[in-house]
């Protein structure tokens, strides 16, 4: 069974209205922690073997899963308060065996087809596949001449470039490129395998939304009806 790593240990400082008391993955959307929505998405595709990397206020997550039982395999692993994203994956290496595994952040929701993502990764036979998404449009574009608006256009997603949306598939041999607990996944490790030609992008044009701010949380509360 393909394992899933969820990075759930960050401080969530941009969502401090909530994260002073609870870790960001426990912020509720539609009365359930965003972490559970992410896990349900994987489980809906038959992937139910979870390894959750804990850090900041990890006991809140532990207590939640003590009180709420799921028919999934859930391993909660303390990976350190100040460990960076790459370091958290490195600390989980002993649980991951030699198979391809999923990895994602504990604050992003998508309707990505996980079976297609896994097949894409295996077909290309590279060390890492990330999911490329277009960020939600936030601002309209204007051009000014003095104080006159010469051009106005409501911004559309197609105006934006592709960004890393998480929802990775990785080979365990990639972990050797993560130096230590202070290594950011998004810096040296991914940059290195990118230069090696071992990093693929699976383009996802459907729904994707991260929860960085209260505005993002409020938006997810509005649109997340399917869960």
N, C-alpha and C. Protein backbone atom coordinates (compact mmCIF):
# COMPACT_ATOMS: atom_id res chain seq x y z
N UNK A 1 0.85 -1.20 0.00
CA UNK A 1 0.00 0.00 0.00
C UNK A 1 0.88 1.25 0.00
N UNK A 2 0.60 2.18 -0.88
CA UNK A 2 1.39 3.42 -0.97
C UNK A 2 1.17 4.27 0.28
N UNK A 3 2.27 4.67 0.92
CA UNK A 3 2.21 5.43 2.15
C UNK A 3 2.07 6.93 1.87
N UNK A 4 1.51 7.63 2.83
CA UNK A 4 1.31 9.07 2.69
C UNK A 4 1.97 9.78 3.86
N UNK A 5 2.88 10.71 3.55
CA UNK A 5 3.49 11.58 4.55
C UNK A 5 2.76 12.92 4.52
N UNK A 6 2.32 13.38 5.67
CA UNK A 6 1.69 14.70 5.77
C UNK A 6 2.51 15.56 6.73
N UNK A 7 2.97 16.70 6.23
CA UNK A 7 3.78 17.62 7.03
C UNK A 7 2.85 18.49 7.86
N UNK A 8 2.84 18.27 9.16
CA UNK A 8 1.86 18.91 10.03
C UNK A 8 2.52 19.56 11.24
N UNK A 9 3.76 20.05 11.08
CA UNK A 9 4.48 20.53 12.24
C UNK A 9 4.81 22.00 12.28
N UNK A 10 4.42 22.76 11.26
CA UNK A 10 4.81 24.18 11.19
C UNK A 10 4.06 25.06 12.18
N UNK A 11 4.52 26.30 12.30
CA UNK A 11 3.94 27.24 13.27
C UNK A 11 2.67 27.91 12.76
N UNK A 12 2.50 28.03 11.45
CA UNK A 12 1.29 28.66 10.91
C UNK A 12 1.13 30.10 11.35
N UNK A 13 2.23 30.86 11.31
CA UNK A 13 2.22 32.21 11.88
C UNK A 13 1.28 33.17 11.15
N UNK A 14 1.02 32.93 9.86
CA UNK A 14 0.14 33.85 9.12
C UNK A 14 -1.33 33.61 9.43
N UNK A 15 -1.59 32.57 10.22
CA UNK A 15 -2.97 32.27 10.63
C UNK A 15 -3.05 32.33 12.16
N UNK A 16 -2.38 33.33 12.72
CA UNK A 16 -2.18 33.38 14.17
C UNK A 16 -3.49 33.55 14.95
N UNK A 17 -4.56 33.98 14.26
CA UNK A 17 -5.85 34.07 14.95
C UNK A 17 -6.24 32.71 15.55
N UNK A 18 -5.79 31.64 14.90
CA UNK A 18 -6.13 30.28 15.32
C UNK A 18 -4.94 29.54 15.91
N UNK A 19 -3.75 29.78 15.36
CA UNK A 19 -2.61 28.91 15.66
C UNK A 19 -1.87 29.26 16.95
N UNK A 20 -2.35 30.25 17.69
CA UNK A 20 -1.79 30.46 19.02
C UNK A 20 -2.16 29.30 19.94
N UNK A 21 -3.30 28.68 19.66
CA UNK A 21 -3.80 27.60 20.54
C UNK A 21 -3.69 26.22 19.92
N UNK A 22 -3.79 26.15 18.61
CA UNK A 22 -3.77 24.84 17.94
C UNK A 22 -2.85 24.89 16.73
N UNK A 23 -2.32 23.75 16.30
CA UNK A 23 -1.51 23.75 15.08
C UNK A 23 -2.39 23.97 13.85
N UNK A 24 -1.80 24.53 12.83
CA UNK A 24 -2.56 24.90 11.63
C UNK A 24 -3.38 23.74 11.04
N UNK A 25 -2.84 22.50 10.96
CA UNK A 25 -3.65 21.42 10.38
C UNK A 25 -4.91 21.09 11.16
N UNK A 26 -5.03 21.61 12.40
CA UNK A 26 -6.22 21.35 13.19
C UNK A 26 -7.26 22.47 13.09
N UNK A 27 -6.96 23.51 12.32
CA UNK A 27 -7.96 24.55 12.08
C UNK A 27 -9.12 23.93 11.30
N UNK A 28 -10.33 24.19 11.75
CA UNK A 28 -11.49 23.49 11.19
C UNK A 28 -12.06 24.17 9.95
N UNK A 29 -12.37 23.35 8.97
CA UNK A 29 -13.15 23.74 7.80
C UNK A 29 -14.40 22.86 7.82
N UNK A 30 -15.56 23.45 7.78
CA UNK A 30 -16.81 22.67 7.84
C UNK A 30 -16.81 21.72 9.04
N UNK A 31 -16.38 22.21 10.18
CA UNK A 31 -16.42 21.46 11.44
C UNK A 31 -15.47 20.27 11.53
N UNK A 32 -14.54 20.17 10.58
CA UNK A 32 -13.51 19.13 10.66
C UNK A 32 -12.15 19.77 10.44
N UNK A 33 -11.10 19.31 11.15
CA UNK A 33 -9.76 19.84 10.88
C UNK A 33 -9.39 19.69 9.42
N UNK A 34 -8.70 20.68 8.87
CA UNK A 34 -8.28 20.59 7.48
C UNK A 34 -7.45 19.33 7.24
N UNK A 35 -6.71 18.90 8.25
CA UNK A 35 -5.93 17.66 8.15
C UNK A 35 -6.81 16.46 7.81
N UNK A 36 -7.99 16.40 8.43
CA UNK A 36 -8.89 15.27 8.18
C UNK A 36 -9.46 15.34 6.76
N UNK A 37 -9.74 16.53 6.26
CA UNK A 37 -10.19 16.66 4.87
C UNK A 37 -9.13 16.13 3.91
N UNK A 38 -7.88 16.47 4.18
CA UNK A 38 -6.78 16.00 3.33
C UNK A 38 -6.71 14.47 3.37
N UNK A 39 -6.78 13.91 4.57
CA UNK A 39 -6.70 12.46 4.72
C UNK A 39 -7.88 11.76 4.05
N UNK A 40 -9.06 12.35 4.15
CA UNK A 40 -10.25 11.76 3.50
C UNK A 40 -10.07 11.71 1.99
N UNK A 41 -9.45 12.74 1.45
CA UNK A 41 -9.22 12.77 0.01
C UNK A 41 -8.35 11.59 -0.41
N UNK A 42 -7.28 11.34 0.32
CA UNK A 42 -6.44 10.18 0.02
C UNK A 42 -7.22 8.87 0.20
N UNK A 43 -7.96 8.79 1.30
CA UNK A 43 -8.70 7.57 1.58
C UNK A 43 -9.75 7.28 0.51
N UNK A 44 -10.34 8.32 -0.06
CA UNK A 44 -11.32 8.13 -1.13
C UNK A 44 -10.72 7.47 -2.36
N UNK A 45 -9.40 7.58 -2.52
CA UNK A 45 -8.71 6.91 -3.62
C UNK A 45 -8.09 5.58 -3.18
N UNK A 46 -8.38 5.18 -1.96
CA UNK A 46 -7.88 3.90 -1.45
C UNK A 46 -6.54 3.96 -0.76
N UNK A 47 -6.02 5.16 -0.53
CA UNK A 47 -4.72 5.32 0.14
C UNK A 47 -4.99 5.68 1.61
N UNK A 48 -4.64 4.76 2.51
CA UNK A 48 -5.07 4.91 3.91
C UNK A 48 -3.94 4.68 4.91
N UNK A 49 -2.70 4.74 4.46
CA UNK A 49 -1.55 4.46 5.31
C UNK A 49 -0.80 5.76 5.58
N UNK A 50 -1.14 6.43 6.69
CA UNK A 50 -0.70 7.80 6.92
C UNK A 50 0.44 7.89 7.94
N UNK A 51 1.40 8.75 7.63
CA UNK A 51 2.52 9.05 8.53
C UNK A 51 2.54 10.57 8.69
N UNK A 52 2.13 11.03 9.86
CA UNK A 52 1.95 12.46 10.07
C UNK A 52 3.11 13.01 10.87
N UNK A 53 3.84 13.95 10.26
CA UNK A 53 5.01 14.54 10.89
C UNK A 53 4.58 15.68 11.80
N UNK A 54 4.74 15.47 13.10
CA UNK A 54 4.30 16.44 14.09
C UNK A 54 5.43 17.35 14.54
N UNK A 55 5.05 18.56 14.96
CA UNK A 55 6.02 19.50 15.52
C UNK A 55 5.29 20.40 16.49
N UNK A 56 5.04 21.63 16.05
CA UNK A 56 4.37 22.63 16.89
C UNK A 56 3.01 22.13 17.37
N UNK A 57 2.81 22.11 18.67
CA UNK A 57 1.56 21.68 19.31
C UNK A 57 1.09 20.30 18.80
N UNK A 58 2.05 19.41 18.62
CA UNK A 58 1.73 18.07 18.14
C UNK A 58 0.78 17.30 19.04
N UNK A 59 0.79 17.62 20.34
CA UNK A 59 -0.11 16.92 21.26
C UNK A 59 -1.58 17.15 20.95
N UNK A 60 -1.88 18.30 20.35
CA UNK A 60 -3.28 18.59 19.97
C UNK A 60 -3.73 17.57 18.91
N UNK A 61 -2.85 17.28 17.97
CA UNK A 61 -3.17 16.30 16.93
C UNK A 61 -3.26 14.90 17.54
N UNK A 62 -2.34 14.58 18.43
CA UNK A 62 -2.37 13.26 19.09
C UNK A 62 -3.68 13.07 19.86
N UNK A 63 -4.08 14.10 20.59
CA UNK A 63 -5.31 13.99 21.38
C UNK A 63 -6.54 13.84 20.49
N UNK A 64 -6.53 14.52 19.36
CA UNK A 64 -7.66 14.41 18.44
C UNK A 64 -7.84 12.98 17.96
N UNK A 65 -6.74 12.35 17.57
CA UNK A 65 -6.84 10.99 17.04
C UNK A 65 -7.04 9.94 18.12
N UNK A 66 -6.78 10.30 19.37
CA UNK A 66 -7.14 9.41 20.48
C UNK A 66 -8.65 9.39 20.66
N UNK A 67 -9.26 10.57 20.51
CA UNK A 67 -10.69 10.71 20.75
C UNK A 67 -11.53 10.33 19.53
N UNK A 68 -10.97 10.49 18.34
CA UNK A 68 -11.72 10.24 17.11
C UNK A 68 -11.07 9.09 16.35
N UNK A 69 -11.80 8.03 16.19
CA UNK A 69 -11.24 6.82 15.56
C UNK A 69 -11.59 6.78 14.08
N UNK A 70 -10.61 6.38 13.28
CA UNK A 70 -10.78 6.23 11.84
C UNK A 70 -10.32 4.84 11.44
N UNK A 71 -10.85 4.35 10.34
CA UNK A 71 -10.48 3.01 9.87
C UNK A 71 -9.24 3.07 8.97
N UNK A 72 -8.33 3.94 9.30
CA UNK A 72 -7.10 4.10 8.53
C UNK A 72 -5.91 3.74 9.42
N UNK A 73 -4.79 3.45 8.81
CA UNK A 73 -3.56 3.29 9.57
C UNK A 73 -2.94 4.68 9.76
N UNK A 74 -2.83 5.13 10.99
CA UNK A 74 -2.33 6.49 11.27
C UNK A 74 -1.16 6.40 12.24
N UNK A 75 0.00 6.80 11.77
CA UNK A 75 1.20 6.83 12.61
C UNK A 75 1.57 8.29 12.84
N UNK A 76 1.54 8.72 14.11
CA UNK A 76 1.87 10.10 14.46
C UNK A 76 3.31 10.13 14.97
N UNK A 77 4.16 10.91 14.31
CA UNK A 77 5.59 10.88 14.61
C UNK A 77 6.07 12.29 14.98
N UNK A 78 6.63 12.41 16.17
CA UNK A 78 7.23 13.69 16.58
C UNK A 78 8.51 13.91 15.77
N UNK A 79 8.55 14.99 15.01
CA UNK A 79 9.74 15.27 14.19
C UNK A 79 10.44 16.55 14.62
N UNK A 80 10.06 17.09 15.78
CA UNK A 80 10.76 18.24 16.33
C UNK A 80 10.04 19.56 16.10
N UNK A 81 10.12 20.44 17.07
CA UNK A 81 9.43 21.73 17.00
C UNK A 81 10.00 22.60 15.88
N UNK A 82 11.32 22.65 15.77
CA UNK A 82 11.95 23.58 14.83
C UNK A 82 12.51 22.90 13.59
N UNK A 83 12.08 21.68 13.31
CA UNK A 83 12.53 20.97 12.12
C UNK A 83 11.88 21.57 10.88
N UNK A 84 12.64 21.66 9.80
CA UNK A 84 12.11 22.21 8.55
C UNK A 84 11.43 21.10 7.72
N UNK A 85 10.79 21.49 6.64
CA UNK A 85 9.98 20.56 5.85
C UNK A 85 10.77 19.35 5.35
N UNK A 86 11.97 19.59 4.84
CA UNK A 86 12.79 18.47 4.38
C UNK A 86 13.22 17.58 5.52
N UNK A 87 13.61 18.23 6.62
CA UNK A 87 14.04 17.48 7.79
C UNK A 87 12.96 16.57 8.33
N UNK A 88 11.73 17.00 8.25
CA UNK A 88 10.62 16.16 8.74
C UNK A 88 10.51 14.87 7.90
N UNK A 89 10.65 15.02 6.60
CA UNK A 89 10.60 13.82 5.74
C UNK A 89 11.78 12.90 6.05
N UNK A 90 12.95 13.48 6.25
CA UNK A 90 14.14 12.67 6.56
C UNK A 90 13.94 11.86 7.84
N UNK A 91 13.29 12.47 8.83
CA UNK A 91 13.06 11.78 10.10
C UNK A 91 12.03 10.65 9.99
N UNK A 92 11.28 10.64 8.91
CA UNK A 92 10.30 9.56 8.69
C UNK A 92 10.85 8.42 7.83
N UNK A 93 12.08 8.54 7.38
CA UNK A 93 12.64 7.59 6.41
C UNK A 93 12.50 6.13 6.86
N UNK A 94 12.72 5.88 8.13
CA UNK A 94 12.70 4.49 8.61
C UNK A 94 11.33 3.83 8.47
N UNK A 95 10.28 4.63 8.31
CA UNK A 95 8.93 4.07 8.17
C UNK A 95 8.54 3.82 6.71
N UNK A 96 9.33 4.30 5.77
CA UNK A 96 8.86 4.41 4.39
C UNK A 96 9.27 3.27 3.46
N UNK A 97 10.18 2.41 3.89
CA UNK A 97 10.57 1.29 3.05
C UNK A 97 11.23 1.75 1.77
N UNK A 98 11.02 0.99 0.69
CA UNK A 98 11.65 1.32 -0.60
C UNK A 98 10.65 1.64 -1.69
N UNK A 99 9.39 1.80 -1.33
CA UNK A 99 8.35 2.07 -2.32
C UNK A 99 8.18 3.58 -2.54
N UNK A 100 7.59 3.93 -3.68
CA UNK A 100 7.18 5.32 -3.89
C UNK A 100 6.20 5.71 -2.79
N UNK A 101 6.26 6.96 -2.34
CA UNK A 101 5.32 7.41 -1.32
C UNK A 101 4.79 8.80 -1.68
N UNK A 102 3.58 9.08 -1.19
CA UNK A 102 3.01 10.42 -1.32
C UNK A 102 3.55 11.31 -0.20
N UNK A 103 3.64 12.60 -0.47
CA UNK A 103 3.95 13.57 0.58
C UNK A 103 3.19 14.86 0.27
N UNK A 104 2.66 15.48 1.30
CA UNK A 104 1.97 16.74 1.09
C UNK A 104 1.98 17.57 2.36
N UNK A 105 1.51 18.79 2.21
CA UNK A 105 1.44 19.72 3.34
C UNK A 105 0.10 19.55 4.06
N UNK A 106 0.10 19.94 5.34
CA UNK A 106 -1.11 19.79 6.14
C UNK A 106 -2.05 20.97 6.07
N UNK A 107 -1.96 21.74 4.98
CA UNK A 107 -2.81 22.95 4.90
C UNK A 107 -3.33 23.22 3.50
N UNK A 108 -3.33 22.22 2.62
CA UNK A 108 -3.79 22.44 1.25
C UNK A 108 -4.81 21.40 0.82
N UNK A 109 -5.85 21.85 0.15
CA UNK A 109 -6.93 20.96 -0.30
C UNK A 109 -7.04 21.04 -1.82
N UNK A 110 -7.27 19.89 -2.43
CA UNK A 110 -7.39 19.82 -3.88
C UNK A 110 -8.33 18.69 -4.26
N UNK A 111 -8.80 18.74 -5.51
CA UNK A 111 -9.58 17.60 -6.02
C UNK A 111 -8.74 16.78 -7.00
N UNK A 112 -7.44 16.82 -6.84
CA UNK A 112 -6.53 16.10 -7.73
C UNK A 112 -6.84 14.60 -7.74
N UNK A 113 -6.74 13.99 -8.92
CA UNK A 113 -6.90 12.55 -9.04
C UNK A 113 -5.58 11.89 -8.64
N UNK A 114 -5.56 11.33 -7.45
CA UNK A 114 -4.32 10.79 -6.90
C UNK A 114 -3.85 9.54 -7.63
N UNK A 115 -4.77 8.78 -8.18
CA UNK A 115 -4.37 7.61 -8.98
C UNK A 115 -3.60 8.04 -10.23
N UNK A 116 -4.10 9.08 -10.88
CA UNK A 116 -3.43 9.59 -12.08
C UNK A 116 -2.07 10.18 -11.74
N UNK A 117 -1.99 10.87 -10.60
CA UNK A 117 -0.72 11.43 -10.16
C UNK A 117 0.31 10.31 -9.94
N UNK A 118 -0.09 9.25 -9.26
CA UNK A 118 0.83 8.14 -8.99
C UNK A 118 1.26 7.45 -10.28
N UNK A 119 0.32 7.24 -11.19
CA UNK A 119 0.66 6.62 -12.48
C UNK A 119 1.62 7.49 -13.28
N UNK A 120 1.40 8.80 -13.26
CA UNK A 120 2.28 9.74 -13.95
C UNK A 120 3.70 9.62 -13.40
N UNK A 121 3.80 9.57 -12.08
CA UNK A 121 5.12 9.46 -11.44
C UNK A 121 5.82 8.16 -11.85
N UNK A 122 5.10 7.08 -11.79
CA UNK A 122 5.72 5.77 -12.09
C UNK A 122 6.08 5.66 -13.56
N UNK A 123 5.28 6.26 -14.41
CA UNK A 123 5.56 6.21 -15.85
C UNK A 123 6.84 6.97 -16.19
N UNK A 124 7.08 8.08 -15.49
CA UNK A 124 8.24 8.91 -15.81
C UNK A 124 9.53 8.47 -15.11
N UNK A 125 9.38 7.65 -14.05
CA UNK A 125 10.54 7.03 -13.39
C UNK A 125 11.59 8.04 -12.93
N UNK A 126 11.12 9.13 -12.32
CA UNK A 126 12.02 10.12 -11.75
C UNK A 126 11.93 10.06 -10.22
N UNK A 127 12.83 10.78 -9.55
CA UNK A 127 12.88 10.72 -8.09
C UNK A 127 11.68 11.40 -7.43
N UNK A 128 11.24 12.51 -8.02
CA UNK A 128 10.16 13.28 -7.40
C UNK A 128 9.20 13.81 -8.47
N UNK A 129 7.92 13.75 -8.17
CA UNK A 129 6.90 14.46 -8.94
C UNK A 129 6.19 15.42 -8.00
N UNK A 130 6.08 16.68 -8.41
CA UNK A 130 5.27 17.63 -7.64
C UNK A 130 4.03 17.96 -8.45
N UNK A 131 3.01 18.42 -7.77
CA UNK A 131 1.80 18.86 -8.45
C UNK A 131 1.90 20.36 -8.70
N UNK A 132 1.85 20.73 -9.97
CA UNK A 132 1.89 22.15 -10.35
C UNK A 132 0.46 22.67 -10.48
N UNK A 133 0.20 23.79 -9.82
CA UNK A 133 -1.14 24.38 -9.86
C UNK A 133 -1.01 25.86 -10.19
N UNK A 134 -2.10 26.42 -10.65
CA UNK A 134 -2.14 27.87 -10.86
C UNK A 134 -2.74 28.49 -9.60
N UNK A 135 -2.07 29.48 -9.03
CA UNK A 135 -2.59 30.07 -7.79
C UNK A 135 -3.91 30.76 -8.04
N UNK A 136 -4.81 30.72 -7.06
CA UNK A 136 -6.09 31.43 -7.23
C UNK A 136 -5.84 32.92 -7.49
N UNK A 137 -6.59 33.48 -8.44
CA UNK A 137 -6.44 34.90 -8.76
C UNK A 137 -6.90 35.74 -7.58
N UNK A 138 -6.14 36.77 -7.26
CA UNK A 138 -6.48 37.62 -6.12
C UNK A 138 -6.75 39.08 -6.50
N UNK A 139 -6.08 39.55 -7.54
CA UNK A 139 -6.13 40.99 -7.81
C UNK A 139 -6.43 41.27 -9.28
N UNK A 140 -7.14 42.36 -9.51
CA UNK A 140 -7.35 42.81 -10.88
C UNK A 140 -6.13 43.60 -11.35
N UNK A 141 -5.89 43.59 -12.64
CA UNK A 141 -4.72 44.29 -13.20
C UNK A 141 -5.17 45.63 -13.79
N UNK A 142 -4.42 46.70 -13.46
CA UNK A 142 -4.70 48.00 -14.05
C UNK A 142 -3.40 48.63 -14.53
N UNK A 143 -3.52 49.49 -15.54
CA UNK A 143 -2.39 50.31 -15.98
C UNK A 143 -2.82 51.77 -15.90
N UNK A 144 -1.94 52.62 -15.40
CA UNK A 144 -2.29 54.01 -15.17
C UNK A 144 -1.48 54.96 -16.06
N UNK A 145 -2.12 56.05 -16.42
CA UNK A 145 -1.43 57.19 -17.02
C UNK A 145 -1.76 58.37 -16.13
N UNK A 146 -0.80 58.73 -15.27
CA UNK A 146 -1.12 59.70 -14.23
C UNK A 146 -2.13 59.07 -13.29
N UNK A 147 -3.28 59.75 -13.13
CA UNK A 147 -4.34 59.19 -12.30
C UNK A 147 -5.44 58.51 -13.10
N UNK A 148 -5.28 58.46 -14.42
CA UNK A 148 -6.30 57.83 -15.27
C UNK A 148 -6.00 56.35 -15.46
N UNK A 149 -7.05 55.57 -15.37
CA UNK A 149 -6.91 54.14 -15.66
C UNK A 149 -6.96 53.95 -17.17
N UNK A 150 -5.85 53.49 -17.73
CA UNK A 150 -5.78 53.23 -19.17
C UNK A 150 -6.19 51.80 -19.52
N UNK A 151 -6.09 50.92 -18.54
CA UNK A 151 -6.37 49.51 -18.81
C UNK A 151 -6.87 48.88 -17.53
N UNK A 152 -7.95 48.14 -17.65
CA UNK A 152 -8.45 47.40 -16.50
C UNK A 152 -8.80 45.99 -16.93
N UNK A 153 -8.38 45.02 -16.14
CA UNK A 153 -8.76 43.64 -16.44
C UNK A 153 -8.86 42.86 -15.14
N UNK A 154 -10.02 42.26 -14.93
CA UNK A 154 -10.16 41.40 -13.75
C UNK A 154 -9.24 40.20 -13.94
N UNK A 155 -8.42 39.95 -12.97
CA UNK A 155 -7.39 38.92 -13.12
C UNK A 155 -8.02 37.54 -13.17
N UNK A 156 -7.46 36.71 -14.00
CA UNK A 156 -7.94 35.35 -14.18
C UNK A 156 -6.80 34.40 -13.85
N UNK A 157 -7.15 33.16 -13.51
CA UNK A 157 -6.11 32.17 -13.21
C UNK A 157 -5.10 32.01 -14.34
N UNK A 158 -5.56 32.18 -15.59
CA UNK A 158 -4.65 31.95 -16.71
C UNK A 158 -3.56 33.02 -16.79
N UNK A 159 -3.73 34.11 -16.04
CA UNK A 159 -2.69 35.14 -16.01
C UNK A 159 -1.53 34.74 -15.10
N UNK A 160 -1.76 33.74 -14.27
CA UNK A 160 -0.76 33.36 -13.28
C UNK A 160 0.14 32.25 -13.81
N UNK A 161 1.34 32.18 -13.27
CA UNK A 161 2.23 31.08 -13.60
C UNK A 161 1.88 29.85 -12.76
N UNK A 162 2.60 28.78 -13.01
CA UNK A 162 2.43 27.56 -12.22
C UNK A 162 3.23 27.67 -10.93
N UNK A 163 2.69 27.12 -9.85
CA UNK A 163 3.41 27.08 -8.58
C UNK A 163 3.36 25.66 -8.01
N UNK A 164 4.22 25.40 -7.04
CA UNK A 164 4.23 24.12 -6.36
C UNK A 164 3.01 24.01 -5.45
N UNK A 165 2.14 23.07 -5.75
CA UNK A 165 0.94 22.87 -4.94
C UNK A 165 1.05 21.73 -3.96
N UNK A 166 2.29 21.20 -3.79
CA UNK A 166 2.44 20.04 -2.90
C UNK A 166 1.98 18.79 -3.60
N UNK A 167 1.32 17.89 -2.89
CA UNK A 167 0.85 16.62 -3.44
C UNK A 167 1.95 15.96 -4.27
N UNK A 168 3.04 15.64 -3.57
CA UNK A 168 4.21 15.02 -4.18
C UNK A 168 4.07 13.50 -4.24
N UNK A 169 4.80 12.91 -5.19
CA UNK A 169 5.15 11.50 -5.09
C UNK A 169 6.67 11.45 -5.11
N UNK A 170 7.25 10.68 -4.19
CA UNK A 170 8.71 10.64 -4.05
C UNK A 170 9.20 9.20 -3.97
N UNK A 171 10.43 9.03 -4.42
CA UNK A 171 11.15 7.78 -4.17
C UNK A 171 11.97 7.96 -2.89
N UNK A 172 12.11 6.88 -2.12
CA UNK A 172 12.86 7.03 -0.87
C UNK A 172 14.32 7.37 -1.12
N UNK A 173 14.84 7.05 -2.29
CA UNK A 173 16.23 7.40 -2.60
C UNK A 173 16.43 8.91 -2.72
N UNK A 174 15.34 9.66 -2.86
CA UNK A 174 15.43 11.12 -2.88
C UNK A 174 15.87 11.67 -1.52
N UNK A 175 15.56 10.95 -0.44
CA UNK A 175 15.78 11.47 0.91
C UNK A 175 17.26 11.74 1.17
N UNK A 176 18.15 11.05 0.46
CA UNK A 176 19.59 11.29 0.68
C UNK A 176 20.00 12.71 0.29
N UNK A 177 19.18 13.40 -0.49
CA UNK A 177 19.49 14.79 -0.87
C UNK A 177 19.02 15.80 0.19
N UNK A 178 18.38 15.30 1.24
CA UNK A 178 17.98 16.15 2.37
C UNK A 178 19.09 16.06 3.41
N UNK A 179 19.77 17.16 3.63
CA UNK A 179 21.00 17.13 4.45
C UNK A 179 20.73 16.84 5.92
N UNK A 180 19.83 17.62 6.53
CA UNK A 180 19.59 17.46 7.97
C UNK A 180 18.24 18.06 8.34
N UNK A 181 18.01 18.15 9.64
CA UNK A 181 16.68 18.59 10.10
C UNK A 181 16.39 20.05 9.78
N UNK A 182 17.43 20.82 9.46
CA UNK A 182 17.22 22.24 9.15
C UNK A 182 17.06 22.50 7.65
N UNK A 183 16.95 21.44 6.87
CA UNK A 183 16.84 21.59 5.41
C UNK A 183 15.39 21.80 4.98
N UNK A 184 15.18 22.85 4.23
CA UNK A 184 13.87 23.08 3.61
C UNK A 184 13.74 22.17 2.39
N UNK A 185 12.66 21.43 2.32
CA UNK A 185 12.40 20.58 1.16
C UNK A 185 12.44 21.38 -0.13
N UNK A 186 11.88 22.60 -0.08
CA UNK A 186 11.68 23.40 -1.28
C UNK A 186 12.96 24.09 -1.76
N UNK A 187 14.01 24.00 -0.99
CA UNK A 187 15.26 24.65 -1.40
C UNK A 187 16.23 23.62 -1.98
N UNK A 188 17.32 23.33 -1.28
CA UNK A 188 18.36 22.50 -1.87
C UNK A 188 17.89 21.14 -2.42
N UNK A 189 17.08 20.37 -1.69
CA UNK A 189 16.73 19.03 -2.22
C UNK A 189 16.00 19.09 -3.55
N UNK A 190 14.93 19.88 -3.64
CA UNK A 190 14.17 19.93 -4.89
C UNK A 190 14.95 20.66 -5.98
N UNK A 191 15.71 21.69 -5.60
CA UNK A 191 16.53 22.38 -6.60
C UNK A 191 17.58 21.45 -7.17
N UNK A 192 18.16 20.62 -6.32
CA UNK A 192 19.20 19.68 -6.77
C UNK A 192 18.64 18.66 -7.74
N UNK A 193 17.53 18.01 -7.37
CA UNK A 193 16.98 16.99 -8.28
C UNK A 193 16.41 17.64 -9.54
N UNK A 194 15.99 18.90 -9.42
CA UNK A 194 15.56 19.64 -10.62
C UNK A 194 16.69 19.80 -11.60
N UNK A 195 17.87 20.19 -11.11
CA UNK A 195 19.05 20.33 -11.99
C UNK A 195 19.47 18.99 -12.58
N UNK A 196 19.21 17.93 -11.85
CA UNK A 196 19.57 16.58 -12.33
C UNK A 196 18.58 16.04 -13.37
N UNK A 197 17.46 16.75 -13.56
CA UNK A 197 16.42 16.24 -14.46
C UNK A 197 15.57 15.16 -13.83
N UNK A 198 15.54 15.14 -12.47
CA UNK A 198 14.82 14.08 -11.75
C UNK A 198 13.57 14.60 -11.05
N UNK A 199 13.09 15.76 -11.50
CA UNK A 199 11.90 16.37 -10.90
C UNK A 199 10.86 16.62 -11.99
N UNK A 200 9.70 16.00 -11.83
CA UNK A 200 8.62 16.14 -12.80
C UNK A 200 7.48 16.97 -12.20
N UNK A 201 6.71 17.61 -13.07
CA UNK A 201 5.54 18.39 -12.64
C UNK A 201 4.28 17.79 -13.25
N UNK A 202 3.35 17.41 -12.39
CA UNK A 202 2.04 16.95 -12.83
C UNK A 202 1.11 18.15 -12.78
N UNK A 203 0.66 18.60 -13.93
CA UNK A 203 -0.17 19.80 -14.00
C UNK A 203 -1.62 19.49 -13.61
N UNK A 204 -2.08 20.20 -12.59
CA UNK A 204 -3.45 20.02 -12.13
C UNK A 204 -4.22 21.32 -12.36
N UNK A 205 -5.25 21.24 -13.18
CA UNK A 205 -6.01 22.44 -13.54
C UNK A 205 -7.33 22.56 -12.78
N UNK A 206 -7.58 21.60 -11.90
CA UNK A 206 -8.82 21.64 -11.13
C UNK A 206 -8.69 22.45 -9.87
N UNK A 207 -9.46 22.07 -8.85
CA UNK A 207 -9.50 22.84 -7.61
C UNK A 207 -8.23 22.63 -6.78
N UNK A 208 -7.71 23.72 -6.28
CA UNK A 208 -6.59 23.69 -5.32
C UNK A 208 -6.65 24.96 -4.50
N UNK A 209 -6.46 24.82 -3.19
CA UNK A 209 -6.46 25.99 -2.33
C UNK A 209 -5.66 25.69 -1.07
N UNK A 210 -4.68 26.52 -0.77
CA UNK A 210 -3.97 26.39 0.50
C UNK A 210 -4.62 27.30 1.52
N UNK A 211 -4.32 27.06 2.78
CA UNK A 211 -4.92 27.85 3.85
C UNK A 211 -3.81 28.61 4.59
N UNK A 212 -3.39 29.71 4.00
CA UNK A 212 -2.33 30.52 4.60
C UNK A 212 -2.87 31.60 5.53
N UNK A 213 -4.05 32.10 5.21
CA UNK A 213 -4.59 33.24 5.94
C UNK A 213 -6.05 32.98 6.32
N UNK A 214 -6.60 33.86 7.15
CA UNK A 214 -8.02 33.74 7.52
C UNK A 214 -8.90 33.88 6.28
N UNK A 215 -8.49 34.71 5.36
CA UNK A 215 -9.25 34.84 4.12
C UNK A 215 -9.34 33.49 3.39
N UNK A 216 -8.23 32.77 3.34
CA UNK A 216 -8.23 31.44 2.71
C UNK A 216 -9.16 30.50 3.46
N UNK A 217 -9.11 30.54 4.80
CA UNK A 217 -9.97 29.67 5.58
C UNK A 217 -11.44 29.96 5.31
N UNK A 218 -11.79 31.24 5.29
CA UNK A 218 -13.19 31.63 5.05
C UNK A 218 -13.64 31.17 3.66
N UNK A 219 -12.74 31.27 2.69
CA UNK A 219 -13.06 30.82 1.33
C UNK A 219 -13.31 29.31 1.30
N UNK A 220 -12.45 28.56 1.97
CA UNK A 220 -12.63 27.11 2.01
C UNK A 220 -13.93 26.73 2.70
N UNK A 221 -14.29 27.47 3.75
CA UNK A 221 -15.56 27.20 4.42
C UNK A 221 -16.75 27.36 3.46
N UNK A 222 -16.63 28.28 2.53
CA UNK A 222 -17.71 28.53 1.56
C UNK A 222 -17.77 27.44 0.49
N UNK A 223 -16.60 27.02 -0.01
CA UNK A 223 -16.61 26.18 -1.22
C UNK A 223 -16.55 24.69 -0.93
N UNK A 224 -16.19 24.31 0.31
CA UNK A 224 -15.99 22.89 0.56
C UNK A 224 -17.29 22.22 0.94
N UNK A 225 -18.13 21.99 -0.04
CA UNK A 225 -19.42 21.33 0.24
C UNK A 225 -19.29 19.81 0.06
N UNK A 226 -18.39 19.41 -0.81
CA UNK A 226 -18.32 17.98 -1.14
C UNK A 226 -17.85 17.14 0.05
N UNK A 227 -17.20 17.77 1.03
CA UNK A 227 -16.74 17.02 2.19
C UNK A 227 -17.81 17.07 3.29
